[in-house]
Amino acid sequence: LEITESALMDDPALAQAHLDELAGLGIKLSIDDYGVGQASLAYLKSMPVDELKLDRSFITAITESPRNAAIVESTIMLSHALGLSVVAEGVETPAELRWLREHGCDIAQGYGIGRPMTAAQFGEWLADFAARTTA
């Protein structure tokens, strides 16, 4: 279940209670758009989340922006130290994907990987992807 970072900050105590309840039911939780809201590390360590989704604003031009690179690299390291997986949103270029792989990002999503598609289109895309990556 994805929850935006800004939604968590509307009422942190209430959010904590709801997230604890959802986690107790075995539901995996993800914070979406991480980095653009006001969540502090204190909230991050206390909320029962499994995954952080980095906002695309940090991924854009990651190979040209030392600031973006530093933020993303440190967030990946911190997340992994806390046992969280990391998703990079808005990956649009092979260079961005390569950088993220080299720095241990767990999952990447964006138009550089695939645009929205039907189930049939996904089957074709997956077969093509498998052929490219196993050759």
Protein backbone atom coordinates (compact mmCIF):
# COMPACT_ATOMS: atom_id res chain seq x y z
CA LEU A 1 0.00 0.00 0.00
CA GLU A 2 1.45 3.36 -1.00
CA ILE A 3 1.00 6.44 1.16
CA THR A 4 2.35 9.81 0.11
CA GLU A 5 4.80 11.46 2.42
CA SER A 6 2.59 14.55 2.61
CA ALA A 7 -0.41 12.46 3.75
CA LEU A 8 1.66 11.14 6.65
CA MET A 9 2.46 14.65 7.80
CA ASP A 10 -1.14 15.89 7.95
CA ASP A 11 -1.58 14.13 11.30
CA PRO A 12 1.52 12.07 12.18
CA ALA A 13 0.02 10.49 15.32
CA LEU A 14 -3.09 9.33 13.48
CA ALA A 15 -0.97 8.14 10.55
CA GLN A 16 1.23 6.16 12.94
CA ALA A 17 -1.81 4.45 14.47
CA HIS A 18 -3.28 3.54 11.07
CA LEU A 19 0.05 2.32 9.71
CA ASP A 20 0.67 0.19 12.80
CA GLU A 21 -2.76 -1.38 12.31
CA LEU A 22 -2.14 -2.06 8.61
CA ALA A 23 1.31 -3.50 9.29
CA GLY A 24 -0.24 -5.71 11.96
CA LEU A 25 -2.46 -7.18 9.25
CA GLY A 26 0.63 -8.05 7.21
CA ILE A 27 0.18 -5.27 4.67
CA LYS A 28 3.45 -4.00 3.19
CA LEU A 29 3.70 -0.22 3.28
CA SER A 30 5.48 2.19 0.98
CA ILE A 31 6.06 5.93 1.36
CA ASP A 32 5.52 7.54 -2.05
CA ASP A 33 7.12 10.81 -3.20
CA TYR A 34 9.71 10.57 -0.42
CA GLY A 35 11.85 13.64 -0.12
CA VAL A 36 9.38 16.30 -1.25
CA GLY A 37 7.37 16.55 1.96
CA GLN A 38 8.27 17.37 5.52
CA ALA A 39 8.87 13.91 6.96
CA SER A 40 11.80 13.79 9.32
CA LEU A 41 14.10 10.90 10.01
CA ALA A 42 12.37 10.51 13.38
CA TYR A 43 9.14 9.62 11.58
CA LEU A 44 10.98 7.34 9.20
CA LYS A 45 12.48 5.29 12.01
CA SER A 46 9.18 4.96 13.88
CA MET A 47 6.75 4.26 11.02
CA PRO A 48 6.33 0.58 10.06
CA VAL A 49 7.17 1.04 6.38
CA ASP A 50 8.88 -1.45 4.07
CA GLU A 51 9.79 0.74 1.13
CA LEU A 52 10.62 4.31 0.14
CA LYS A 53 9.76 5.63 -3.29
CA LEU A 54 12.09 8.48 -4.18
CA ASP A 55 10.35 11.32 -5.96
CA ARG A 56 11.33 11.77 -9.59
CA SER A 57 12.58 15.30 -8.87
CA PHE A 58 15.67 13.68 -7.30
CA ILE A 59 16.16 11.20 -10.14
CA THR A 60 15.97 13.73 -12.97
CA ALA A 61 19.49 14.53 -14.19
CA ILE A 62 21.01 12.44 -11.40
CA THR A 63 24.13 11.91 -13.51
CA GLU A 64 24.65 15.66 -13.95
CA SER A 65 23.59 16.96 -10.55
CA PRO A 66 26.02 16.26 -7.70
CA ARG A 67 23.35 17.41 -5.23
CA ASN A 68 20.72 15.00 -6.55
CA ALA A 69 23.32 12.22 -6.63
CA ALA A 70 24.34 12.87 -3.01
CA ILE A 71 20.73 12.94 -1.81
CA VAL A 72 19.79 9.74 -3.63
CA GLU A 73 22.96 7.88 -2.68
CA SER A 74 22.61 8.76 1.01
CA THR A 75 18.89 7.92 1.00
CA ILE A 76 19.61 4.50 -0.53
CA MET A 77 22.28 3.80 2.10
CA LEU A 78 20.10 5.00 4.98
CA SER A 79 17.08 3.06 3.75
CA HIS A 80 19.05 -0.15 3.43
CA ALA A 81 20.51 0.36 6.92
CA LEU A 82 16.92 0.61 8.20
CA GLY A 83 15.90 -2.53 6.30
CA LEU A 84 13.86 -0.67 3.68
CA SER A 85 13.89 -1.20 -0.06
CA VAL A 86 14.17 1.79 -2.38
CA VAL A 87 12.22 2.56 -5.55
CA ALA A 88 13.38 5.33 -7.89
CA GLU A 89 10.48 6.99 -9.69
CA GLY A 90 10.76 8.79 -13.00
CA VAL A 91 13.75 6.97 -14.50
CA GLU A 92 13.93 8.20 -18.08
CA THR A 93 17.42 7.49 -19.40
CA PRO A 94 19.79 4.52 -19.55
CA ALA A 95 22.38 6.65 -17.72
CA GLU A 96 19.99 7.20 -14.80
CA LEU A 97 19.17 3.49 -14.65
CA ARG A 98 22.85 2.54 -14.75
CA TRP A 99 23.67 5.03 -11.97
CA LEU A 100 20.87 3.65 -9.79
CA ARG A 101 22.01 0.06 -10.33
CA GLU A 102 25.60 0.99 -9.46
CA HIS A 103 24.42 2.63 -6.24
CA GLY A 104 22.24 -0.24 -5.06
CA CYS A 105 18.74 1.04 -5.79
CA ASP A 106 16.36 -1.92 -5.51
CA ILE A 107 13.68 -0.98 -8.05
CA ALA A 108 13.40 1.59 -10.82
CA GLN A 109 10.30 2.73 -12.63
CA GLY A 110 9.66 5.28 -15.33
CA TYR A 111 9.30 5.87 -19.04
CA GLY A 112 12.94 4.93 -19.60
CA ILE A 113 12.01 1.39 -18.63
CA GLY A 114 8.50 1.19 -20.01
CA ARG A 115 5.48 3.34 -20.66
CA PRO A 116 2.00 2.39 -19.43
CA MET A 117 0.80 -0.62 -21.42
CA THR A 118 -1.94 -3.18 -21.76
CA ALA A 119 -1.50 -6.77 -20.56
CA ALA A 120 -0.79 -7.91 -24.14
CA GLN A 121 1.77 -5.16 -24.64
CA PHE A 122 3.40 -6.10 -21.34
CA GLY A 123 3.75 -9.72 -22.50
CA GLU A 124 5.55 -8.52 -25.63
CA TRP A 125 7.71 -6.11 -23.64
CA LEU A 126 8.66 -8.82 -21.14
CA ALA A 127 9.66 -11.27 -23.88
CA ASP A 128 11.76 -8.57 -25.56
CA PHE A 129 13.35 -7.60 -22.24
CA ALA A 130 14.19 -11.22 -21.41
CA ALA A 131 15.78 -11.68 -24.84
CA ARG A 132 17.91 -8.55 -24.41
CA THR A 133 19.06 -9.30 -20.88
CA THR A 134 19.89 -12.99 -21.35
CA ALA A 135 21.71 -12.64 -24.67
